[in-house]
């Protein structure tokens, strides 16, 4: 079974892990992982805070921020139009 993650296969991941262990040592890896986890958590919290502030501000001023529904509707209209146009072509093939 050949699995790939971000265009990196299993053996390549193992080589990278081996290099990380050789460079930092087995003792430092948990500390590095903990630091990365805390950093990612801070970024996620900051992102959520920004989203919350934007939503609160838009609701305060009466601005509609739910653009995704409009985009989905437009995409579905385009898909329907394409299906209408390509329907006869698909039947001929």
PDB file of N, CA and C in Angstrom:
ATOM      1  N   UNK A   1       0.839  -1.172   0.000  1.00  0.00           N
ATOM      2  CA  UNK A   1       0.000   0.000   0.000  1.00  0.00           C
ATOM      3  C   UNK A   1       0.889   1.242   0.000  1.00  0.00           C
ATOM      4  N   UNK A   2       0.709   2.083  -0.991  1.00  0.00           N
ATOM      5  CA  UNK A   2       1.518   3.280  -1.129  1.00  0.00           C
ATOM      6  C   UNK A   2       0.660   4.496  -0.790  1.00  0.00           C
ATOM      7  N   UNK A   3       0.917   5.106   0.351  1.00  0.00           N
ATOM      8  CA  UNK A   3       0.170   6.292   0.748  1.00  0.00           C
ATOM      9  C   UNK A   3       1.051   7.513   0.579  1.00  0.00           C
ATOM     10  N   UNK A   4       0.415   8.614   0.180  1.00  0.00           N
ATOM     11  CA  UNK A   4       1.147   9.864   0.036  1.00  0.00           C
ATOM     12  C   UNK A   4       0.457  10.941   0.840  1.00  0.00           C
ATOM     13  N   UNK A   5       1.247  11.817   1.405  1.00  0.00           N
ATOM     14  CA  UNK A   5       0.750  12.943   2.177  1.00  0.00           C
ATOM     15  C   UNK A   5       1.521  14.162   1.719  1.00  0.00           C
ATOM     16  N   UNK A   6       0.819  15.093   1.100  1.00  0.00           N
ATOM     17  CA  UNK A   6       1.443  16.300   0.566  1.00  0.00           C
ATOM     18  C   UNK A   6       2.592  15.960  -0.386  1.00  0.00           C
ATOM     19  N   UNK A   7       2.348  15.009  -1.249  1.00  0.00           N
ATOM     20  CA  UNK A   7       3.303  14.577  -2.266  1.00  0.00           C
ATOM     21  C   UNK A   7       4.541  13.926  -1.668  1.00  0.00           C
ATOM     22  N   UNK A   8       4.440  13.449  -0.430  1.00  0.00           N
ATOM     23  CA  UNK A   8       5.548  12.748   0.225  1.00  0.00           C
ATOM     24  C   UNK A   8       5.062  11.346   0.542  1.00  0.00           C
ATOM     25  N   UNK A   9       5.819  10.348   0.134  1.00  0.00           N
ATOM     26  CA  UNK A   9       5.412   8.969   0.393  1.00  0.00           C
ATOM     27  C   UNK A   9       5.925   8.512   1.756  1.00  0.00           C
ATOM     28  N   UNK A  10       5.527   7.310   2.147  1.00  0.00           N
ATOM     29  CA  UNK A  10       5.891   6.755   3.447  1.00  0.00           C
ATOM     30  C   UNK A  10       7.387   6.698   3.707  1.00  0.00           C
ATOM     31  N   UNK A  11       8.189   6.128   2.795  1.00  0.00           N
ATOM     32  CA  UNK A  11       9.633   6.072   3.044  1.00  0.00           C
ATOM     33  C   UNK A  11      10.281   7.452   3.191  1.00  0.00           C
ATOM     34  N   UNK A  12       9.799   8.432   2.440  1.00  0.00           N
ATOM     35  CA  UNK A  12      10.359   9.777   2.553  1.00  0.00           C
ATOM     36  C   UNK A  12      10.046  10.384   3.916  1.00  0.00           C
ATOM     37  N   UNK A  13       8.848  10.114   4.429  1.00  0.00           N
ATOM     38  CA  UNK A  13       8.484  10.602   5.763  1.00  0.00           C
ATOM     39  C   UNK A  13       9.391   9.960   6.809  1.00  0.00           C
ATOM     40  N   UNK A  14       9.670   8.679   6.666  1.00  0.00           N
ATOM     41  CA  UNK A  14      10.535   7.992   7.619  1.00  0.00           C
ATOM     42  C   UNK A  14      11.944   8.584   7.600  1.00  0.00           C
ATOM     43  N   UNK A  15      12.460   8.914   6.432  1.00  0.00           N
ATOM     44  CA  UNK A  15      13.790   9.518   6.328  1.00  0.00           C
ATOM     45  C   UNK A  15      13.797  10.887   7.000  1.00  0.00           C
ATOM     46  N   UNK A  16      12.747  11.665   6.785  1.00  0.00           N
ATOM     47  CA  UNK A  16      12.659  12.981   7.417  1.00  0.00           C
ATOM     48  C   UNK A  16      12.602  12.829   8.929  1.00  0.00           C
ATOM     49  N   UNK A  17      11.828  11.864   9.420  1.00  0.00           N
ATOM     50  CA  UNK A  17      11.738  11.629  10.868  1.00  0.00           C
ATOM     51  C   UNK A  17      13.103  11.222  11.428  1.00  0.00           C
ATOM     52  N   UNK A  18      13.821  10.389  10.706  1.00  0.00           N
ATOM     53  CA  UNK A  18      15.149   9.956  11.143  1.00  0.00           C
ATOM     54  C   UNK A  18      16.098  11.149  11.248  1.00  0.00           C
ATOM     55  N   UNK A  19      16.047  12.032  10.258  1.00  0.00           N
ATOM     56  CA  UNK A  19      16.907  13.223  10.276  1.00  0.00           C
ATOM     57  C   UNK A  19      16.536  14.121  11.450  1.00  0.00           C
ATOM     58  N   UNK A  20      15.238  14.280  11.714  1.00  0.00           N
ATOM     59  CA  UNK A  20      14.797  15.111  12.840  1.00  0.00           C
ATOM     60  C   UNK A  20      15.315  14.533  14.151  1.00  0.00           C
ATOM     61  N   UNK A  21      15.229  13.219  14.314  1.00  0.00           N
ATOM     62  CA  UNK A  21      15.719  12.584  15.541  1.00  0.00           C
ATOM     63  C   UNK A  21      17.224  12.765  15.668  1.00  0.00           C
ATOM     64  N   UNK A  22      17.959  12.638  14.556  1.00  0.00           N
ATOM     65  CA  UNK A  22      19.412  12.795  14.600  1.00  0.00           C
ATOM     66  C   UNK A  22      19.819  14.240  14.933  1.00  0.00           C
ATOM     67  N   UNK A  23      19.085  15.205  14.395  1.00  0.00           N
ATOM     68  CA  UNK A  23      19.453  16.602  14.603  1.00  0.00           C
ATOM     69  C   UNK A  23      19.074  17.079  16.009  1.00  0.00           C
ATOM     70  N   UNK A  24      17.844  16.802  16.426  1.00  0.00           N
ATOM     71  CA  UNK A  24      17.360  17.342  17.696  1.00  0.00           C
ATOM     72  C   UNK A  24      17.493  16.362  18.857  1.00  0.00           C
ATOM     73  N   UNK A  25      17.582  15.095  18.580  1.00  0.00           N
ATOM     74  CA  UNK A  25      17.635  14.099  19.641  1.00  0.00           C
ATOM     75  C   UNK A  25      16.238  13.720  20.098  1.00  0.00           C
ATOM     76  N   UNK A  26      16.128  12.522  20.620  1.00  0.00           N
ATOM     77  CA  UNK A  26      14.818  12.009  21.024  1.00  0.00           C
ATOM     78  C   UNK A  26      14.250  12.785  22.206  1.00  0.00           C
ATOM     79  N   UNK A  27      15.101  13.401  23.016  1.00  0.00           N
ATOM     80  CA  UNK A  27      14.633  14.133  24.188  1.00  0.00           C
ATOM     81  C   UNK A  27      13.907  15.425  23.820  1.00  0.00           C
ATOM     82  N   UNK A  28      14.343  16.075  22.753  1.00  0.00           N
ATOM     83  CA  UNK A  28      13.799  17.380  22.385  1.00  0.00           C
ATOM     84  C   UNK A  28      12.520  17.293  21.550  1.00  0.00           C
ATOM     85  N   UNK A  29      12.246  16.164  20.932  1.00  0.00           N
ATOM     86  CA  UNK A  29      11.100  16.054  20.024  1.00  0.00           C
ATOM     87  C   UNK A  29       9.774  16.354  20.727  1.00  0.00           C
ATOM     88  N   UNK A  30       9.510  15.811  21.927  1.00  0.00           N
ATOM     89  CA  UNK A  30       8.239  16.168  22.589  1.00  0.00           C
ATOM     90  C   UNK A  30       8.115  17.663  22.886  1.00  0.00           C
ATOM     91  N   UNK A  31       9.233  18.298  23.265  1.00  0.00           N
ATOM     92  CA  UNK A  31       9.202  19.736  23.524  1.00  0.00           C
ATOM     93  C   UNK A  31       8.899  20.513  22.251  1.00  0.00           C
ATOM     94  N   UNK A  32       9.501  20.101  21.150  1.00  0.00           N
ATOM     95  CA  UNK A  32       9.263  20.768  19.866  1.00  0.00           C
ATOM     96  C   UNK A  32       7.807  20.589  19.457  1.00  0.00           C
ATOM     97  N   UNK A  33       7.286  19.362  19.605  1.00  0.00           N
ATOM     98  CA  UNK A  33       5.891  19.102  19.248  1.00  0.00           C
ATOM     99  C   UNK A  33       4.946  19.923  20.121  1.00  0.00           C
ATOM    100  N   UNK A  34       5.250  20.032  21.400  1.00  0.00           N
ATOM    101  CA  UNK A  34       4.428  20.828  22.309  1.00  0.00           C
ATOM    102  C   UNK A  34       4.430  22.291  21.893  1.00  0.00           C
ATOM    103  N   UNK A  35       5.611  22.798  21.551  1.00  0.00           N
ATOM    104  CA  UNK A  35       5.720  24.194  21.113  1.00  0.00           C
ATOM    105  C   UNK A  35       4.958  24.443  19.820  1.00  0.00           C
ATOM    106  N   UNK A  36       5.057  23.507  18.881  1.00  0.00           N
ATOM    107  CA  UNK A  36       4.310  23.647  17.635  1.00  0.00           C
ATOM    108  C   UNK A  36       2.811  23.603  17.896  1.00  0.00           C
ATOM    109  N   UNK A  37       2.389  22.716  18.787  1.00  0.00           N
ATOM    110  CA  UNK A  37       0.977  22.621  19.129  1.00  0.00           C
ATOM    111  C   UNK A  37       0.453  23.911  19.744  1.00  0.00           C
ATOM    112  N   UNK A  38       1.237  24.498  20.660  1.00  0.00           N
ATOM    113  CA  UNK A  38       0.826  25.757  21.281  1.00  0.00           C
ATOM    114  C   UNK A  38       0.756  26.874  20.240  1.00  0.00           C
ATOM    115  N   UNK A  39       1.723  26.897  19.341  1.00  0.00           N
ATOM    116  CA  UNK A  39       1.724  27.914  18.292  1.00  0.00           C
ATOM    117  C   UNK A  39       0.522  27.793  17.377  1.00  0.00           C
ATOM    118  N   UNK A  40       0.210  26.567  16.969  1.00  0.00           N
ATOM    119  CA  UNK A  40      -0.951  26.346  16.111  1.00  0.00           C
ATOM    120  C   UNK A  40      -2.237  26.714  16.836  1.00  0.00           C
ATOM    121  N   UNK A  41      -2.299  26.402  18.122  1.00  0.00           N
ATOM    122  CA  UNK A  41      -3.488  26.739  18.917  1.00  0.00           C
ATOM    123  C   UNK A  41      -3.666  28.256  19.001  1.00  0.00           C
ATOM    124  N   UNK A  42      -2.571  28.998  19.184  1.00  0.00           N
ATOM    125  CA  UNK A  42      -2.652  30.455  19.247  1.00  0.00           C
ATOM    126  C   UNK A  42      -3.126  31.043  17.918  1.00  0.00           C
ATOM    127  N   UNK A  43      -2.632  30.479  16.827  1.00  0.00           N
ATOM    128  CA  UNK A  43      -3.060  30.950  15.507  1.00  0.00           C
ATOM    129  C   UNK A  43      -4.550  30.677  15.315  1.00  0.00           C
ATOM    130  N   UNK A  44      -4.985  29.478  15.702  1.00  0.00           N
ATOM    131  CA  UNK A  44      -6.396  29.126  15.563  1.00  0.00           C
ATOM    132  C   UNK A  44      -7.269  30.026  16.426  1.00  0.00           C
ATOM    133  N   UNK A  45      -6.855  30.282  17.663  1.00  0.00           N
ATOM    134  CA  UNK A  45      -7.614  31.168  18.550  1.00  0.00           C
ATOM    135  C   UNK A  45      -7.686  32.588  17.990  1.00  0.00           C
ATOM    136  N   UNK A  46      -6.566  33.073  17.460  1.00  0.00           N
ATOM    137  CA  UNK A  46      -6.547  34.419  16.877  1.00  0.00           C
ATOM    138  C   UNK A  46      -7.481  34.491  15.671  1.00  0.00           C
ATOM    139  N   UNK A  47      -7.476  33.456  14.847  1.00  0.00           N
ATOM    140  CA  UNK A  47      -8.354  33.413  13.685  1.00  0.00           C
ATOM    141  C   UNK A  47      -9.812  33.426  14.116  1.00  0.00           C
ATOM    142  N   UNK A  48     -10.134  32.619  15.129  1.00  0.00           N
ATOM    143  CA  UNK A  48     -11.513  32.588  15.621  1.00  0.00           C
ATOM    144  C   UNK A  48     -11.929  33.929  16.216  1.00  0.00           C
ATOM    145  N   UNK A  49     -11.012  34.593  16.923  1.00  0.00           N
ATOM    146  CA  UNK A  49     -11.313  35.913  17.485  1.00  0.00           C
ATOM    147  C   UNK A  49     -11.591  36.933  16.381  1.00  0.00           C
ATOM    148  N   UNK A  50     -10.801  36.877  15.320  1.00  0.00           N
ATOM    149  CA  UNK A  50     -10.998  37.809  14.208  1.00  0.00           C
ATOM    150  C   UNK A  50     -12.353  37.558  13.547  1.00  0.00           C
ATOM    151  N   UNK A  51     -12.681  36.276  13.323  1.00  0.00           N
ATOM    152  CA  UNK A  51     -13.982  35.949  12.731  1.00  0.00           C
ATOM    153  C   UNK A  51     -15.123  36.435  13.620  1.00  0.00           C
ATOM    154  N   UNK A  52     -14.966  36.237  14.924  1.00  0.00           N
ATOM    155  CA  UNK A  52     -15.999  36.659  15.872  1.00  0.00           C
ATOM    156  C   UNK A  52     -16.187  38.173  15.828  1.00  0.00           C
ATOM    157  N   UNK A  53     -15.084  38.920  15.802  1.00  0.00           N
ATOM    158  CA  UNK A  53     -15.169  40.377  15.749  1.00  0.00           C
ATOM    159  C   UNK A  53     -15.817  40.857  14.458  1.00  0.00           C
ATOM    160  N   UNK A  54     -15.482  40.208  13.350  1.00  0.00           N
ATOM    161  CA  UNK A  54     -16.075  40.590  12.063  1.00  0.00           C
ATOM    162  C   UNK A  54     -17.575  40.332  12.082  1.00  0.00           C
ATOM    163  N   UNK A  55     -17.983  39.163  12.589  1.00  0.00           N
ATOM    164  CA  UNK A  55     -19.411  38.849  12.650  1.00  0.00           C
ATOM    165  C   UNK A  55     -20.159  39.801  13.567  1.00  0.00           C
ATOM    166  N   UNK A  56     -19.587  40.106  14.728  1.00  0.00           N
ATOM    167  CA  UNK A  56     -20.240  41.023  15.657  1.00  0.00           C
ATOM    168  C   UNK A  56     -20.354  42.421  15.059  1.00  0.00           C
ATOM    169  N   UNK A  57     -19.306  42.860  14.401  1.00  0.00           N
ATOM    170  CA  UNK A  57     -19.312  44.186  13.791  1.00  0.00           C
ATOM    171  C   UNK A  57     -20.327  44.253  12.653  1.00  0.00           C
ATOM    172  N   UNK A  58     -20.397  43.217  11.854  1.00  0.00           N
ATOM    173  CA  UNK A  58     -21.331  43.223  10.729  1.00  0.00           C
ATOM    174  C   UNK A  58     -22.773  43.153  11.217  1.00  0.00           C
ATOM    175  N   UNK A  59     -23.026  42.400  12.289  1.00  0.00           N
ATOM    176  CA  UNK A  59     -24.378  42.335  12.827  1.00  0.00           C
ATOM    177  C   UNK A  59     -24.776  43.675  13.445  1.00  0.00           C
ATOM    178  N   UNK A  60     -23.813  44.339  14.055  1.00  0.00           N
ATOM    179  CA  UNK A  60     -24.078  45.634  14.679  1.00  0.00           C
ATOM    180  C   UNK A  60     -24.487  46.660  13.617  1.00  0.00           C
ATOM    181  N   UNK A  61     -23.841  46.570  12.443  1.00  0.00           N
ATOM    182  CA  UNK A  61     -24.104  47.539  11.383  1.00  0.00           C
ATOM    183  C   UNK A  61     -25.109  47.023  10.355  1.00  0.00           C
ATOM    184  N   UNK A  62     -25.640  45.818  10.570  1.00  0.00           N
ATOM    185  CA  UNK A  62     -26.661  45.280   9.675  1.00  0.00           C
ATOM    186  C   UNK A  62     -26.134  44.804   8.346  1.00  0.00           C
ATOM    187  N   UNK A  63     -24.893  44.329   8.308  1.00  0.00           N
ATOM    188  CA  UNK A  63     -24.293  43.845   7.070  1.00  0.00           C
ATOM    189  C   UNK A  63     -24.453  42.327   7.013  1.00  0.00           C
ATOM    190  N   UNK A  64     -24.849  41.812   5.842  1.00  0.00           N
ATOM    191  CA  UNK A  64     -25.021  40.369   5.667  1.00  0.00           C
ATOM    192  C   UNK A  64     -23.670  39.744   5.331  1.00  0.00           C
ATOM    193  N   UNK A  65     -23.183  38.869   6.196  1.00  0.00           N
ATOM    194  CA  UNK A  65     -21.891  38.225   5.958  1.00  0.00           C
ATOM    195  C   UNK A  65     -22.031  36.808   5.439  1.00  0.00           C
ATOM    196  N   UNK A  66     -23.255  36.340   5.267  1.00  0.00           N
ATOM    197  CA  UNK A  66     -23.450  34.968   4.813  1.00  0.00           C
ATOM    198  C   UNK A  66     -23.416  34.932   3.288  1.00  0.00           C
ATOM    199  N   UNK A  67     -22.240  35.161   2.756  1.00  0.00           N
ATOM    200  CA  UNK A  67     -22.047  35.207   1.310  1.00  0.00           C
ATOM    201  C   UNK A  67     -22.033  33.801   0.725  1.00  0.00           C
ATOM    202  N   UNK A  68     -21.723  32.809   1.535  1.00  0.00           N
ATOM    203  CA  UNK A  68     -21.581  31.453   1.022  1.00  0.00           C
ATOM    204  C   UNK A  68     -22.872  30.945   0.386  1.00  0.00           C
ATOM    205  N   UNK A  69     -24.022  31.315   0.929  1.00  0.00           N
ATOM    206  CA  UNK A  69     -25.300  30.891   0.332  1.00  0.00           C
ATOM    207  C   UNK A  69     -25.459  31.475  -1.057  1.00  0.00           C
ATOM    208  N   UNK A  70     -25.116  32.752  -1.205  1.00  0.00           N
ATOM    209  CA  UNK A  70     -25.212  33.390  -2.517  1.00  0.00           C
ATOM    210  C   UNK A  70     -24.274  32.732  -3.513  1.00  0.00           C
ATOM    211  N   UNK A  71     -23.068  32.418  -3.057  1.00  0.00           N
ATOM    212  CA  UNK A  71     -22.088  31.778  -3.950  1.00  0.00           C
ATOM    213  C   UNK A  71     -22.571  30.396  -4.357  1.00  0.00           C
ATOM    214  N   UNK A  72     -23.098  29.625  -3.393  1.00  0.00           N
ATOM    215  CA  UNK A  72     -23.606  28.282  -3.713  1.00  0.00           C
ATOM    216  C   UNK A  72     -24.760  28.360  -4.696  1.00  0.00           C
ATOM    217  N   UNK A  73     -25.640  29.333  -4.524  1.00  0.00           N
ATOM    218  CA  UNK A  73     -26.752  29.481  -5.462  1.00  0.00           C
ATOM    219  C   UNK A  73     -26.260  29.792  -6.866  1.00  0.00           C
ATOM    220  N   UNK A  74     -25.297  30.697  -6.961  1.00  0.00           N
ATOM    221  CA  UNK A  74     -24.760  31.053  -8.275  1.00  0.00           C
ATOM    222  C   UNK A  74     -24.041  29.871  -8.925  1.00  0.00           C
ATOM    223  N   UNK A  75     -23.294  29.119  -8.131  1.00  0.00           N
ATOM    224  CA  UNK A  75     -22.592  27.952  -8.664  1.00  0.00           C
ATOM    225  C   UNK A  75     -23.597  26.918  -9.155  1.00  0.00           C
ATOM    226  N   UNK A  76     -24.659  26.706  -8.404  1.00  0.00           N
ATOM    227  CA  UNK A  76     -25.654  25.720  -8.840  1.00  0.00           C
ATOM    228  C   UNK A  76     -26.354  26.189 -10.109  1.00  0.00           C
ATOM    229  N   UNK A  77     -26.593  27.512 -10.259  1.00  0.00           N
ATOM    230  CA  UNK A  77     -27.176  28.025 -11.502  1.00  0.00           C
ATOM    231  C   UNK A  77     -26.251  27.772 -12.684  1.00  0.00           C
ATOM    232  N   UNK A  78     -24.962  28.007 -12.482  1.00  0.00           N
ATOM    233  CA  UNK A  78     -23.989  27.777 -13.556  1.00  0.00           C
ATOM    234  C   UNK A  78     -23.943  26.299 -13.918  1.00  0.00           C
ATOM    235  N   UNK A  79     -23.957  25.434 -12.906  1.00  0.00           N
ATOM    236  CA  UNK A  79     -23.965  23.990 -13.170  1.00  0.00           C
ATOM    237  C   UNK A  79     -25.194  23.590 -13.967  1.00  0.00           C
ATOM    238  N   UNK A  80     -26.355  24.127 -13.592  1.00  0.00           N
ATOM    239  CA  UNK A  80     -27.581  23.812 -14.320  1.00  0.00           C
ATOM    240  C   UNK A  80     -27.492  24.281 -15.765  1.00  0.00           C
ATOM    241  N   UNK A  81     -26.952  25.479 -15.977  1.00  0.00           N
ATOM    242  CA  UNK A  81     -26.799  25.990 -17.339  1.00  0.00           C
ATOM    243  C   UNK A  81     -25.852  25.116 -18.152  1.00  0.00           C
ATOM    244  N   UNK A  82     -24.771  24.682 -17.537  1.00  0.00           N
ATOM    245  CA  UNK A  82     -23.814  23.821 -18.239  1.00  0.00           C
ATOM    246  C   UNK A  82     -24.457  22.493 -18.568  1.00  0.00           C
ATOM    247  N   UNK A  83     -25.210  21.942 -17.618  1.00  0.00           N
ATOM    248  CA  UNK A  83     -25.910  20.680 -17.882  1.00  0.00           C
ATOM    249  C   UNK A  83     -26.916  20.831 -19.020  1.00  0.00           C
ATOM    250  N   UNK A  84     -27.604  21.971 -19.074  1.00  0.00           N
ATOM    251  CA  UNK A  84     -28.553  22.213 -20.159  1.00  0.00           C
ATOM    252  C   UNK A  84     -27.848  22.281 -21.504  1.00  0.00           C
ATOM    253  N   UNK A  85     -26.678  22.912 -21.512  1.00  0.00           N
ATOM    254  CA  UNK A  85     -25.936  23.049 -22.767  1.00  0.00           C
ATOM    255  C   UNK A  85     -25.266  21.757 -23.195  1.00  0.00           C
ATOM    256  N   UNK A  86     -24.714  21.020 -22.238  1.00  0.00           N
ATOM    257  CA  UNK A  86     -23.960  19.819 -22.596  1.00  0.00           C
ATOM    258  C   UNK A  86     -24.828  18.575 -22.679  1.00  0.00           C
ATOM    259  N   UNK A  87     -26.075  18.655 -22.257  1.00  0.00           N
ATOM    260  CA  UNK A  87     -26.960  17.488 -22.307  1.00  0.00           C
ATOM    261  C   UNK A  87     -27.069  16.895 -23.702  1.00  0.00           C
ATOM    262  N   UNK A  88     -27.404  17.699 -24.719  1.00  0.00           N
ATOM    263  CA  UNK A  88     -27.495  17.141 -26.077  1.00  0.00           C
ATOM    264  C   UNK A  88     -26.158  16.628 -26.595  1.00  0.00           C
ATOM    265  N   UNK A  89     -25.091  17.278 -26.210  1.00  0.00           N
ATOM    266  CA  UNK A  89     -23.762  16.850 -26.669  1.00  0.00           C
ATOM    267  C   UNK A  89     -23.428  15.489 -26.067  1.00  0.00           C
ATOM    268  N   UNK A  90     -23.711  15.316 -24.791  1.00  0.00           N
ATOM    269  CA  UNK A  90     -23.415  14.028 -24.131  1.00  0.00           C
ATOM    270  C   UNK A  90     -24.245  12.915 -24.751  1.00  0.00           C
ATOM    271  N   UNK A  91     -25.499  13.210 -25.113  1.00  0.00           N
ATOM    272  CA  UNK A  91     -26.344  12.172 -25.694  1.00  0.00           C
ATOM    273  C   UNK A  91     -25.847  11.750 -27.074  1.00  0.00           C
ATOM    274  N   UNK A  92     -25.267  12.693 -27.821  1.00  0.00           N
ATOM    275  CA  UNK A  92     -24.770  12.374 -29.153  1.00  0.00           C
ATOM    276  C   UNK A  92     -23.522  11.505 -29.092  1.00  0.00           C
ATOM    277  N   UNK A  93     -22.721  11.653 -28.046  1.00  0.00           N
ATOM    278  CA  UNK A  93     -21.502  10.875 -27.932  1.00  0.00           C
ATOM    279  C   UNK A  93     -21.872   9.507 -27.456  1.00  0.00           C
TER     280      UNK A  93
END
